[in-house]
ModelCIF file with pLDDT and N, C-alpha, C, O atoms, coordinates in Angstrom:
data_MODEL
#
_entry.id   MODEL 
#
_entity.id                         1 
_entity.type                       polymer 
_entity.pdbx_number_of_molecules   1 
#
_entity_poly.entity_id                      1 
_entity_poly.type                           'polypeptide(L)' 
_entity_poly.nstd_linkage                   no 
_entity_poly.nstd_monomer                   no 
_entity_poly.pdbx_seq_one_letter_code       RQLALLGVANDIGENVGLLPGLVCNKFPPWVVLLIGALACFFGYGVIW 
_entity_poly.pdbx_seq_one_letter_code_can   RQLALLGVANDIGENVGLLPGLVCNKFPPWVVLLIGALACFFGYGVIW 
_entity_poly.pdbx_strand_id                 A 
#
loop_
_entity_poly_seq.entity_id 
_entity_poly_seq.num 
_entity_poly_seq.mon_id 
_entity_poly_seq.hetero 
1 1  ARG n 
1 2  GLN n 
1 3  LEU n 
1 4  ALA n 
1 5  LEU n 
1 6  LEU n 
1 7  GLY n 
1 8  VAL n 
1 9  ALA n 
1 10 ASN n 
1 11 ASP n 
1 12 ILE n 
1 13 GLY n 
1 14 GLU n 
1 15 ASN n 
1 16 VAL n 
1 17 GLY n 
1 18 LEU n 
1 19 LEU n 
1 20 PRO n 
1 21 GLY n 
1 22 LEU n 
1 23 VAL n 
1 24 CYS n 
1 25 ASN n 
1 26 LYS n 
1 27 PHE n 
1 28 PRO n 
1 29 PRO n 
1 30 TRP n 
1 31 VAL n 
1 32 VAL n 
1 33 LEU n 
1 34 LEU n 
1 35 ILE n 
1 36 GLY n 
1 37 ALA n 
1 38 LEU n 
1 39 ALA n 
1 40 CYS n 
1 41 PHE n 
1 42 PHE n 
1 43 GLY n 
1 44 TYR n 
1 45 GLY n 
1 46 VAL n 
1 47 ILE n 
1 48 TRP n 
#
_struct_asym.id          A 
_struct_asym.entity_id   1 
#
loop_
_ma_qa_metric.id 
_ma_qa_metric.mode 
_ma_qa_metric.name 
_ma_qa_metric.software_group_id 
_ma_qa_metric.type 
1 global pLDDT . pLDDT 
2 local  pLDDT . pLDDT 
#
_ma_qa_metric_global.metric_id      1 
_ma_qa_metric_global.metric_value   88.98 
_ma_qa_metric_global.model_id       1 
_ma_qa_metric_global.ordinal_id     1 
#
loop_
_ma_qa_metric_local.label_asym_id 
_ma_qa_metric_local.label_comp_id 
_ma_qa_metric_local.label_seq_id 
_ma_qa_metric_local.metric_id 
_ma_qa_metric_local.metric_value 
_ma_qa_metric_local.model_id 
_ma_qa_metric_local.ordinal_id 
A ARG 1  2 80.00 1 1  
A GLN 2  2 86.00 1 2  
A LEU 3  2 85.00 1 3  
A ALA 4  2 80.00 1 4  
A LEU 5  2 86.00 1 5  
A LEU 6  2 89.00 1 6  
A GLY 7  2 83.00 1 7  
A VAL 8  2 82.00 1 8  
A ALA 9  2 88.00 1 9  
A ASN 10 2 87.00 1 10 
A ASP 11 2 81.00 1 11 
A ILE 12 2 85.00 1 12 
A GLY 13 2 87.00 1 13 
A GLU 14 2 84.00 1 14 
A ASN 15 2 79.00 1 15 
A VAL 16 2 82.00 1 16 
A GLY 17 2 80.00 1 17 
A LEU 18 2 84.00 1 18 
A LEU 19 2 89.00 1 19 
A PRO 20 2 89.00 1 20 
A GLY 21 2 85.00 1 21 
A LEU 22 2 87.00 1 22 
A VAL 23 2 90.00 1 23 
A CYS 24 2 86.00 1 24 
A ASN 25 2 83.00 1 25 
A LYS 26 2 87.00 1 26 
A PHE 27 2 90.00 1 27 
A PRO 28 2 90.00 1 28 
A PRO 29 2 91.00 1 29 
A TRP 30 2 92.00 1 30 
A VAL 31 2 93.00 1 31 
A VAL 32 2 93.00 1 32 
A LEU 33 2 94.00 1 33 
A LEU 34 2 95.00 1 34 
A ILE 35 2 95.00 1 35 
A GLY 36 2 94.00 1 36 
A ALA 37 2 95.00 1 37 
A LEU 38 2 96.00 1 38 
A ALA 39 2 95.00 1 39 
A CYS 40 2 95.00 1 40 
A PHE 41 2 96.00 1 41 
A PHE 42 2 95.00 1 42 
A GLY 43 2 95.00 1 43 
A TYR 44 2 95.00 1 44 
A GLY 45 2 95.00 1 45 
A VAL 46 2 94.00 1 46 
A ILE 47 2 94.00 1 47 
A TRP 48 2 95.00 1 48 
#
loop_
_atom_site.group_PDB 
_atom_site.id 
_atom_site.type_symbol 
_atom_site.label_atom_id 
_atom_site.label_alt_id 
_atom_site.label_comp_id 
_atom_site.label_asym_id 
_atom_site.label_entity_id 
_atom_site.label_seq_id 
_atom_site.pdbx_PDB_ins_code 
_atom_site.Cartn_x 
_atom_site.Cartn_y 
_atom_site.Cartn_z 
_atom_site.occupancy 
_atom_site.B_iso_or_equiv 
_atom_site.pdbx_formal_charge 
_atom_site.auth_seq_id 
_atom_site.auth_comp_id 
_atom_site.auth_asym_id 
_atom_site.auth_atom_id 
_atom_site.pdbx_PDB_model_num 
ATOM 1   N N  . ARG A 1 1  ? -30.951 -81.494 8.093   1.00 80.00 ? 1  ARG A N  1 
ATOM 2   C CA . ARG A 1 1  ? -30.475 -82.724 7.441   1.00 80.00 ? 1  ARG A CA 1 
ATOM 3   C C  . ARG A 1 1  ? -31.152 -82.915 6.090   1.00 80.00 ? 1  ARG A C  1 
ATOM 4   O O  . ARG A 1 1  ? -30.509 -83.326 5.125   1.00 80.00 ? 1  ARG A O  1 
ATOM 5   N N  . GLN A 1 2  ? -32.445 -82.619 6.016   1.00 86.00 ? 2  GLN A N  1 
ATOM 6   C CA . GLN A 1 2  ? -33.136 -82.713 4.725   1.00 86.00 ? 2  GLN A CA 1 
ATOM 7   C C  . GLN A 1 2  ? -32.576 -81.694 3.737   1.00 86.00 ? 2  GLN A C  1 
ATOM 8   O O  . GLN A 1 2  ? -32.407 -81.985 2.552   1.00 86.00 ? 2  GLN A O  1 
ATOM 9   N N  . LEU A 1 3  ? -32.289 -80.483 4.251   1.00 85.00 ? 3  LEU A N  1 
ATOM 10  C CA . LEU A 1 3  ? -31.726 -79.453 3.388   1.00 85.00 ? 3  LEU A CA 1 
ATOM 11  C C  . LEU A 1 3  ? -30.321 -79.848 2.928   1.00 85.00 ? 3  LEU A C  1 
ATOM 12  O O  . LEU A 1 3  ? -29.959 -79.630 1.772   1.00 85.00 ? 3  LEU A O  1 
ATOM 13  N N  . ALA A 1 4  ? -29.531 -80.429 3.838   1.00 80.00 ? 4  ALA A N  1 
ATOM 14  C CA . ALA A 1 4  ? -28.178 -80.869 3.481   1.00 80.00 ? 4  ALA A CA 1 
ATOM 15  C C  . ALA A 1 4  ? -28.222 -81.972 2.428   1.00 80.00 ? 4  ALA A C  1 
ATOM 16  O O  . ALA A 1 4  ? -27.366 -82.039 1.547   1.00 80.00 ? 4  ALA A O  1 
ATOM 17  N N  . LEU A 1 5  ? -29.241 -82.841 2.533   1.00 86.00 ? 5  LEU A N  1 
ATOM 18  C CA . LEU A 1 5  ? -29.377 -83.913 1.547   1.00 86.00 ? 5  LEU A CA 1 
ATOM 19  C C  . LEU A 1 5  ? -29.772 -83.341 0.184   1.00 86.00 ? 5  LEU A C  1 
ATOM 20  O O  . LEU A 1 5  ? -29.374 -83.875 -0.852  1.00 86.00 ? 5  LEU A O  1 
ATOM 21  N N  . LEU A 1 6  ? -30.547 -82.266 0.182   1.00 89.00 ? 6  LEU A N  1 
ATOM 22  C CA . LEU A 1 6  ? -30.827 -81.575 -1.088  1.00 89.00 ? 6  LEU A CA 1 
ATOM 23  C C  . LEU A 1 6  ? -29.547 -80.964 -1.649  1.00 89.00 ? 6  LEU A C  1 
ATOM 24  O O  . LEU A 1 6  ? -29.348 -80.920 -2.863  1.00 89.00 ? 6  LEU A O  1 
ATOM 25  N N  . GLY A 1 7  ? -28.680 -80.494 -0.748  1.00 83.00 ? 7  GLY A N  1 
ATOM 26  C CA . GLY A 1 7  ? -27.382 -79.989 -1.186  1.00 83.00 ? 7  GLY A CA 1 
ATOM 27  C C  . GLY A 1 7  ? -26.551 -81.072 -1.844  1.00 83.00 ? 7  GLY A C  1 
ATOM 28  O O  . GLY A 1 7  ? -25.815 -80.811 -2.795  1.00 83.00 ? 7  GLY A O  1 
ATOM 29  N N  . VAL A 1 8  ? -26.672 -82.288 -1.336  1.00 82.00 ? 8  VAL A N  1 
ATOM 30  C CA . VAL A 1 8  ? -25.982 -83.428 -1.953  1.00 82.00 ? 8  VAL A CA 1 
ATOM 31  C C  . VAL A 1 8  ? -26.537 -83.678 -3.353  1.00 82.00 ? 8  VAL A C  1 
ATOM 32  O O  . VAL A 1 8  ? -25.782 -83.922 -4.294  1.00 82.00 ? 8  VAL A O  1 
ATOM 33  N N  . ALA A 1 9  ? -27.877 -83.614 -3.484  1.00 88.00 ? 9  ALA A N  1 
ATOM 34  C CA . ALA A 1 9  ? -28.495 -83.763 -4.812  1.00 88.00 ? 9  ALA A CA 1 
ATOM 35  C C  . ALA A 1 9  ? -27.974 -82.698 -5.763  1.00 88.00 ? 9  ALA A C  1 
ATOM 36  O O  . ALA A 1 9  ? -27.703 -82.973 -6.932  1.00 88.00 ? 9  ALA A O  1 
ATOM 37  N N  . ASN A 1 10 ? -27.836 -81.481 -5.253  1.00 87.00 ? 10 ASN A N  1 
ATOM 38  C CA . ASN A 1 10 ? -27.288 -80.369 -6.033  1.00 87.00 ? 10 ASN A CA 1 
ATOM 39  C C  . ASN A 1 10 ? -25.898 -80.712 -6.565  1.00 87.00 ? 10 ASN A C  1 
ATOM 40  O O  . ASN A 1 10 ? -25.589 -80.450 -7.728  1.00 87.00 ? 10 ASN A O  1 
ATOM 41  N N  . ASP A 1 11 ? -25.061 -81.302 -5.704  1.00 81.00 ? 11 ASP A N  1 
ATOM 42  C CA . ASP A 1 11 ? -23.677 -81.613 -6.087  1.00 81.00 ? 11 ASP A CA 1 
ATOM 43  C C  . ASP A 1 11 ? -23.580 -82.872 -6.930  1.00 81.00 ? 11 ASP A C  1 
ATOM 44  O O  . ASP A 1 11 ? -22.729 -82.961 -7.815  1.00 81.00 ? 11 ASP A O  1 
ATOM 45  N N  . ILE A 1 12 ? -24.444 -83.846 -6.667  1.00 85.00 ? 12 ILE A N  1 
ATOM 46  C CA . ILE A 1 12 ? -24.442 -85.055 -7.494  1.00 85.00 ? 12 ILE A CA 1 
ATOM 47  C C  . ILE A 1 12 ? -24.792 -84.696 -8.934  1.00 85.00 ? 12 ILE A C  1 
ATOM 48  O O  . ILE A 1 12 ? -24.110 -85.106 -9.872  1.00 85.00 ? 12 ILE A O  1 
ATOM 49  N N  . GLY A 1 13 ? -25.863 -83.925 -9.093  1.00 87.00 ? 13 GLY A N  1 
ATOM 50  C CA . GLY A 1 13 ? -26.257 -83.529 -10.436 1.00 87.00 ? 13 GLY A CA 1 
ATOM 51  C C  . GLY A 1 13 ? -25.168 -82.761 -11.149 1.00 87.00 ? 13 GLY A C  1 
ATOM 52  O O  . GLY A 1 13 ? -24.908 -82.996 -12.329 1.00 87.00 ? 13 GLY A O  1 
ATOM 53  N N  . GLU A 1 14 ? -24.522 -81.836 -10.435 1.00 84.00 ? 14 GLU A N  1 
ATOM 54  C CA . GLU A 1 14 ? -23.502 -80.977 -11.034 1.00 84.00 ? 14 GLU A CA 1 
ATOM 55  C C  . GLU A 1 14 ? -22.285 -81.764 -11.508 1.00 84.00 ? 14 GLU A C  1 
ATOM 56  O O  . GLU A 1 14 ? -21.654 -81.400 -12.499 1.00 84.00 ? 14 GLU A O  1 
ATOM 57  N N  . ASN A 1 15 ? -21.960 -82.834 -10.805 1.00 79.00 ? 15 ASN A N  1 
ATOM 58  C CA . ASN A 1 15 ? -20.676 -83.484 -11.039 1.00 79.00 ? 15 ASN A CA 1 
ATOM 59  C C  . ASN A 1 15 ? -20.744 -84.873 -11.654 1.00 79.00 ? 15 ASN A C  1 
ATOM 60  O O  . ASN A 1 15 ? -19.709 -85.413 -12.046 1.00 79.00 ? 15 ASN A O  1 
ATOM 61  N N  . VAL A 1 16 ? -21.924 -85.468 -11.752 1.00 82.00 ? 16 VAL A N  1 
ATOM 62  C CA . VAL A 1 16 ? -22.012 -86.779 -12.391 1.00 82.00 ? 16 VAL A CA 1 
ATOM 63  C C  . VAL A 1 16 ? -22.074 -86.554 -13.897 1.00 82.00 ? 16 VAL A C  1 
ATOM 64  O O  . VAL A 1 16 ? -23.146 -86.351 -14.467 1.00 82.00 ? 16 VAL A O  1 
ATOM 65  N N  . GLY A 1 17 ? -20.912 -86.593 -14.525 1.00 80.00 ? 17 GLY A N  1 
ATOM 66  C CA . GLY A 1 17 ? -20.828 -86.277 -15.942 1.00 80.00 ? 17 GLY A CA 1 
ATOM 67  C C  . GLY A 1 17 ? -20.329 -87.417 -16.802 1.00 80.00 ? 17 GLY A C  1 
ATOM 68  O O  . GLY A 1 17 ? -19.779 -87.189 -17.879 1.00 80.00 ? 17 GLY A O  1 
ATOM 69  N N  . LEU A 1 18 ? -20.517 -88.654 -16.337 1.00 84.00 ? 18 LEU A N  1 
ATOM 70  C CA . LEU A 1 18 ? -20.029 -89.798 -17.121 1.00 84.00 ? 18 LEU A CA 1 
ATOM 71  C C  . LEU A 1 18 ? -20.760 -89.893 -18.456 1.00 84.00 ? 18 LEU A C  1 
ATOM 72  O O  . LEU A 1 18 ? -20.142 -90.136 -19.493 1.00 84.00 ? 18 LEU A O  1 
ATOM 73  N N  . LEU A 1 19 ? -22.075 -89.699 -18.427 1.00 89.00 ? 19 LEU A N  1 
ATOM 74  C CA . LEU A 1 19 ? -22.839 -89.752 -19.681 1.00 89.00 ? 19 LEU A CA 1 
ATOM 75  C C  . LEU A 1 19 ? -22.446 -88.617 -20.628 1.00 89.00 ? 19 LEU A C  1 
ATOM 76  O O  . LEU A 1 19 ? -22.226 -88.877 -21.811 1.00 89.00 ? 19 LEU A O  1 
ATOM 77  N N  . PRO A 1 20 ? -22.349 -87.358 -20.154 1.00 89.00 ? 20 PRO A N  1 
ATOM 78  C CA . PRO A 1 20 ? -21.835 -86.314 -21.050 1.00 89.00 ? 20 PRO A CA 1 
ATOM 79  C C  . PRO A 1 20 ? -20.438 -86.617 -21.585 1.00 89.00 ? 20 PRO A C  1 
ATOM 80  O O  . PRO A 1 20 ? -20.119 -86.286 -22.727 1.00 89.00 ? 20 PRO A O  1 
ATOM 81  N N  . GLY A 1 21 ? -19.607 -87.249 -20.753 1.00 85.00 ? 21 GLY A N  1 
ATOM 82  C CA . GLY A 1 21 ? -18.264 -87.610 -21.207 1.00 85.00 ? 21 GLY A CA 1 
ATOM 83  C C  . GLY A 1 21 ? -18.272 -88.592 -22.353 1.00 85.00 ? 21 GLY A C  1 
ATOM 84  O O  . GLY A 1 21 ? -17.430 -88.520 -23.248 1.00 85.00 ? 21 GLY A O  1 
ATOM 85  N N  . LEU A 1 22 ? -19.229 -89.517 -22.327 1.00 87.00 ? 22 LEU A N  1 
ATOM 86  C CA . LEU A 1 22 ? -19.362 -90.468 -23.437 1.00 87.00 ? 22 LEU A CA 1 
ATOM 87  C C  . LEU A 1 22 ? -19.967 -89.806 -24.672 1.00 87.00 ? 22 LEU A C  1 
ATOM 88  O O  . LEU A 1 22 ? -19.501 -90.018 -25.791 1.00 87.00 ? 22 LEU A O  1 
ATOM 89  N N  . VAL A 1 23 ? -21.014 -88.999 -24.456 1.00 90.00 ? 23 VAL A N  1 
ATOM 90  C CA . VAL A 1 23 ? -21.721 -88.388 -25.582 1.00 90.00 ? 23 VAL A CA 1 
ATOM 91  C C  . VAL A 1 23 ? -20.832 -87.410 -26.341 1.00 90.00 ? 23 VAL A C  1 
ATOM 92  O O  . VAL A 1 23 ? -20.933 -87.305 -27.563 1.00 90.00 ? 23 VAL A O  1 
ATOM 93  N N  . CYS A 1 24 ? -19.953 -86.684 -25.620 1.00 86.00 ? 24 CYS A N  1 
ATOM 94  C CA . CYS A 1 24 ? -19.147 -85.652 -26.283 1.00 86.00 ? 24 CYS A CA 1 
ATOM 95  C C  . CYS A 1 24 ? -18.151 -86.247 -27.266 1.00 86.00 ? 24 CYS A C  1 
ATOM 96  O O  . CYS A 1 24 ? -17.640 -85.532 -28.127 1.00 86.00 ? 24 CYS A O  1 
ATOM 97  N N  . ASN A 1 25 ? -17.864 -87.546 -27.156 1.00 83.00 ? 25 ASN A N  1 
ATOM 98  C CA . ASN A 1 25 ? -16.962 -88.203 -28.106 1.00 83.00 ? 25 ASN A CA 1 
ATOM 99  C C  . ASN A 1 25 ? -17.700 -88.739 -29.332 1.00 83.00 ? 25 ASN A C  1 
ATOM 100 O O  . ASN A 1 25 ? -17.073 -89.136 -30.314 1.00 83.00 ? 25 ASN A O  1 
ATOM 101 N N  . LYS A 1 26 ? -19.021 -88.749 -29.272 1.00 87.00 ? 26 LYS A N  1 
ATOM 102 C CA . LYS A 1 26 ? -19.790 -89.363 -30.354 1.00 87.00 ? 26 LYS A CA 1 
ATOM 103 C C  . LYS A 1 26 ? -20.663 -88.361 -31.105 1.00 87.00 ? 26 LYS A C  1 
ATOM 104 O O  . LYS A 1 26 ? -21.078 -88.625 -32.233 1.00 87.00 ? 26 LYS A O  1 
ATOM 105 N N  . PHE A 1 27 ? -20.942 -87.223 -30.492 1.00 90.00 ? 27 PHE A N  1 
ATOM 106 C CA . PHE A 1 27 ? -21.833 -86.235 -31.101 1.00 90.00 ? 27 PHE A CA 1 
ATOM 107 C C  . PHE A 1 27 ? -21.207 -84.849 -31.027 1.00 90.00 ? 27 PHE A C  1 
ATOM 108 O O  . PHE A 1 27 ? -20.338 -84.611 -30.189 1.00 90.00 ? 27 PHE A O  1 
ATOM 109 N N  . PRO A 1 28 ? -21.634 -83.937 -31.887 1.00 90.00 ? 28 PRO A N  1 
ATOM 110 C CA . PRO A 1 28 ? -21.088 -82.579 -31.847 1.00 90.00 ? 28 PRO A CA 1 
ATOM 111 C C  . PRO A 1 28 ? -21.487 -81.854 -30.568 1.00 90.00 ? 28 PRO A C  1 
ATOM 112 O O  . PRO A 1 28 ? -22.453 -82.250 -29.917 1.00 90.00 ? 28 PRO A O  1 
ATOM 113 N N  . PRO A 1 29 ? -20.765 -80.801 -30.195 1.00 91.00 ? 29 PRO A N  1 
ATOM 114 C CA . PRO A 1 29 ? -21.025 -80.105 -28.926 1.00 91.00 ? 29 PRO A CA 1 
ATOM 115 C C  . PRO A 1 29 ? -22.443 -79.571 -28.784 1.00 91.00 ? 29 PRO A C  1 
ATOM 116 O O  . PRO A 1 29 ? -22.965 -79.517 -27.671 1.00 91.00 ? 29 PRO A O  1 
ATOM 117 N N  . TRP A 1 30 ? -23.082 -79.172 -29.888 1.00 92.00 ? 30 TRP A N  1 
ATOM 118 C CA . TRP A 1 30 ? -24.418 -78.600 -29.751 1.00 92.00 ? 30 TRP A CA 1 
ATOM 119 C C  . TRP A 1 30 ? -25.414 -79.607 -29.204 1.00 92.00 ? 30 TRP A C  1 
ATOM 120 O O  . TRP A 1 30 ? -26.377 -79.225 -28.540 1.00 92.00 ? 30 TRP A O  1 
ATOM 121 N N  . VAL A 1 31 ? -25.196 -80.891 -29.474 1.00 93.00 ? 31 VAL A N  1 
ATOM 122 C CA . VAL A 1 31 ? -26.075 -81.925 -28.929 1.00 93.00 ? 31 VAL A CA 1 
ATOM 123 C C  . VAL A 1 31 ? -25.907 -82.000 -27.411 1.00 93.00 ? 31 VAL A C  1 
ATOM 124 O O  . VAL A 1 31 ? -26.885 -82.108 -26.671 1.00 93.00 ? 31 VAL A O  1 
ATOM 125 N N  . VAL A 1 32 ? -24.661 -81.942 -26.963 1.00 93.00 ? 32 VAL A N  1 
ATOM 126 C CA . VAL A 1 32 ? -24.365 -81.977 -25.523 1.00 93.00 ? 32 VAL A CA 1 
ATOM 127 C C  . VAL A 1 32 ? -25.021 -80.784 -24.827 1.00 93.00 ? 32 VAL A C  1 
ATOM 128 O O  . VAL A 1 32 ? -25.629 -80.939 -23.768 1.00 93.00 ? 32 VAL A O  1 
ATOM 129 N N  . LEU A 1 33 ? -24.901 -79.599 -25.418 1.00 94.00 ? 33 LEU A N  1 
ATOM 130 C CA . LEU A 1 33 ? -25.476 -78.394 -24.811 1.00 94.00 ? 33 LEU A CA 1 
ATOM 131 C C  . LEU A 1 33 ? -27.005 -78.410 -24.848 1.00 94.00 ? 33 LEU A C  1 
ATOM 132 O O  . LEU A 1 33 ? -27.649 -77.906 -23.928 1.00 94.00 ? 33 LEU A O  1 
ATOM 133 N N  . LEU A 1 34 ? -27.580 -78.974 -25.886 1.00 95.00 ? 34 LEU A N  1 
ATOM 134 C CA . LEU A 1 34 ? -29.041 -79.066 -25.978 1.00 95.00 ? 34 LEU A CA 1 
ATOM 135 C C  . LEU A 1 34 ? -29.594 -79.956 -24.866 1.00 95.00 ? 34 LEU A C  1 
ATOM 136 O O  . LEU A 1 34 ? -30.594 -79.611 -24.237 1.00 95.00 ? 34 LEU A O  1 
ATOM 137 N N  . ILE A 1 35 ? -28.959 -81.082 -24.624 1.00 95.00 ? 35 ILE A N  1 
ATOM 138 C CA . ILE A 1 35 ? -29.407 -81.968 -23.541 1.00 95.00 ? 35 ILE A CA 1 
ATOM 139 C C  . ILE A 1 35 ? -29.314 -81.246 -22.202 1.00 95.00 ? 35 ILE A C  1 
ATOM 140 O O  . ILE A 1 35 ? -30.197 -81.380 -21.355 1.00 95.00 ? 35 ILE A O  1 
ATOM 141 N N  . GLY A 1 36 ? -28.233 -80.476 -22.015 1.00 94.00 ? 36 GLY A N  1 
ATOM 142 C CA . GLY A 1 36 ? -28.084 -79.712 -20.779 1.00 94.00 ? 36 GLY A CA 1 
ATOM 143 C C  . GLY A 1 36 ? -29.195 -78.691 -20.605 1.00 94.00 ? 36 GLY A C  1 
ATOM 144 O O  . GLY A 1 36 ? -29.708 -78.515 -19.500 1.00 94.00 ? 36 GLY A O  1 
ATOM 145 N N  . ALA A 1 37 ? -29.572 -78.013 -21.691 1.00 95.00 ? 37 ALA A N  1 
ATOM 146 C CA . ALA A 1 37 ? -30.640 -77.016 -21.622 1.00 95.00 ? 37 ALA A CA 1 
ATOM 147 C C  . ALA A 1 37 ? -31.971 -77.657 -21.234 1.00 95.00 ? 37 ALA A C  1 
ATOM 148 O O  . ALA A 1 37 ? -32.732 -77.090 -20.450 1.00 95.00 ? 37 ALA A O  1 
ATOM 149 N N  . LEU A 1 38 ? -32.248 -78.836 -21.783 1.00 96.00 ? 38 LEU A N  1 
ATOM 150 C CA . LEU A 1 38 ? -33.491 -79.536 -21.447 1.00 96.00 ? 38 LEU A CA 1 
ATOM 151 C C  . LEU A 1 38 ? -33.506 -79.985 -19.988 1.00 96.00 ? 38 LEU A C  1 
ATOM 152 O O  . LEU A 1 38 ? -34.536 -79.892 -19.320 1.00 96.00 ? 38 LEU A O  1 
ATOM 153 N N  . ALA A 1 39 ? -32.370 -80.470 -19.492 1.00 95.00 ? 39 ALA A N  1 
ATOM 154 C CA . ALA A 1 39 ? -32.278 -80.889 -18.085 1.00 95.00 ? 39 ALA A CA 1 
ATOM 155 C C  . ALA A 1 39 ? -32.515 -79.696 -17.163 1.00 95.00 ? 39 ALA A C  1 
ATOM 156 O O  . ALA A 1 39 ? -33.199 -79.813 -16.146 1.00 95.00 ? 39 ALA A O  1 
ATOM 157 N N  . CYS A 1 40 ? -31.951 -78.561 -17.524 1.00 95.00 ? 40 CYS A N  1 
ATOM 158 C CA . CYS A 1 40 ? -32.113 -77.341 -16.731 1.00 95.00 ? 40 CYS A CA 1 
ATOM 159 C C  . CYS A 1 40 ? -33.588 -76.917 -16.691 1.00 95.00 ? 40 CYS A C  1 
ATOM 160 O O  . CYS A 1 40 ? -34.111 -76.563 -15.635 1.00 95.00 ? 40 CYS A O  1 
ATOM 161 N N  . PHE A 1 41 ? -34.235 -76.957 -17.829 1.00 96.00 ? 41 PHE A N  1 
ATOM 162 C CA . PHE A 1 41 ? -35.634 -76.534 -17.917 1.00 96.00 ? 41 PHE A CA 1 
ATOM 163 C C  . PHE A 1 41 ? -36.553 -77.422 -17.074 1.00 96.00 ? 41 PHE A C  1 
ATOM 164 O O  . PHE A 1 41 ? -37.354 -76.919 -16.286 1.00 96.00 ? 41 PHE A O  1 
ATOM 165 N N  . PHE A 1 42 ? -36.438 -78.715 -17.239 1.00 95.00 ? 42 PHE A N  1 
ATOM 166 C CA . PHE A 1 42 ? -37.357 -79.619 -16.536 1.00 95.00 ? 42 PHE A CA 1 
ATOM 167 C C  . PHE A 1 42 ? -37.031 -79.711 -15.043 1.00 95.00 ? 42 PHE A C  1 
ATOM 168 O O  . PHE A 1 42 ? -37.941 -79.748 -14.215 1.00 95.00 ? 42 PHE A O  1 
ATOM 169 N N  . GLY A 1 43 ? -35.736 -79.749 -14.692 1.00 95.00 ? 43 GLY A N  1 
ATOM 170 C CA . GLY A 1 43 ? -35.358 -79.897 -13.285 1.00 95.00 ? 43 GLY A CA 1 
ATOM 171 C C  . GLY A 1 43 ? -35.737 -78.696 -12.449 1.00 95.00 ? 43 GLY A C  1 
ATOM 172 O O  . GLY A 1 43 ? -36.439 -78.828 -11.446 1.00 95.00 ? 43 GLY A O  1 
ATOM 173 N N  . TYR A 1 44 ? -35.272 -77.510 -12.858 1.00 95.00 ? 44 TYR A N  1 
ATOM 174 C CA . TYR A 1 44 ? -35.598 -76.309 -12.089 1.00 95.00 ? 44 TYR A CA 1 
ATOM 175 C C  . TYR A 1 44 ? -37.086 -75.971 -12.175 1.00 95.00 ? 44 TYR A C  1 
ATOM 176 O O  . TYR A 1 44 ? -37.640 -75.342 -11.274 1.00 95.00 ? 44 TYR A O  1 
ATOM 177 N N  . GLY A 1 45 ? -37.723 -76.392 -13.261 1.00 95.00 ? 45 GLY A N  1 
ATOM 178 C CA . GLY A 1 45 ? -39.155 -76.164 -13.377 1.00 95.00 ? 45 GLY A CA 1 
ATOM 179 C C  . GLY A 1 45 ? -39.923 -76.818 -12.247 1.00 95.00 ? 45 GLY A C  1 
ATOM 180 O O  . GLY A 1 45 ? -40.840 -76.218 -11.686 1.00 95.00 ? 45 GLY A O  1 
ATOM 181 N N  . VAL A 1 46 ? -39.554 -78.047 -11.909 1.00 94.00 ? 46 VAL A N  1 
ATOM 182 C CA . VAL A 1 46 ? -40.227 -78.759 -10.814 1.00 94.00 ? 46 VAL A CA 1 
ATOM 183 C C  . VAL A 1 46 ? -39.965 -78.068 -9.480  1.00 94.00 ? 46 VAL A C  1 
ATOM 184 O O  . VAL A 1 46 ? -40.887 -77.909 -8.680  1.00 94.00 ? 46 VAL A O  1 
ATOM 185 N N  . ILE A 1 47 ? -38.708 -77.650 -9.224  1.00 94.00 ? 47 ILE A N  1 
ATOM 186 C CA . ILE A 1 47 ? -38.383 -76.955 -7.970  1.00 94.00 ? 47 ILE A CA 1 
ATOM 187 C C  . ILE A 1 47 ? -39.171 -75.652 -7.862  1.00 94.00 ? 47 ILE A C  1 
ATOM 188 O O  . ILE A 1 47 ? -39.667 -75.308 -6.789  1.00 94.00 ? 47 ILE A O  1 
ATOM 189 N N  . TRP A 1 48 ? -39.284 -74.931 -8.976  1.00 95.00 ? 48 TRP A N  1 
ATOM 190 C CA . TRP A 1 48 ? -40.053 -73.681 -8.963  1.00 95.00 ? 48 TRP A CA 1 
ATOM 191 C C  . TRP A 1 48 ? -41.531 -73.937 -8.667  1.00 95.00 ? 48 TRP A C  1 
ATOM 192 O O  . TRP A 1 48 ? -42.323 -72.996 -8.619  1.00 95.00 ? 48 TRP A O  1 
#
C-alpha cells in the first residue's frame, strides 16, 4: 500500500500540468523546459 501510494505520487507529478499550461502561454518554451530540468534534478536527487 505504501508502494502503491508512491505510485500515485509518481502519476500525480507526471500529470498535474496546470502550472506548465499557464506558463507556456506567457513565456518561451525554454523557460518551461528549464523549470522541468530543475524539478527533475531536485526530485530524483532526494529519492537517490
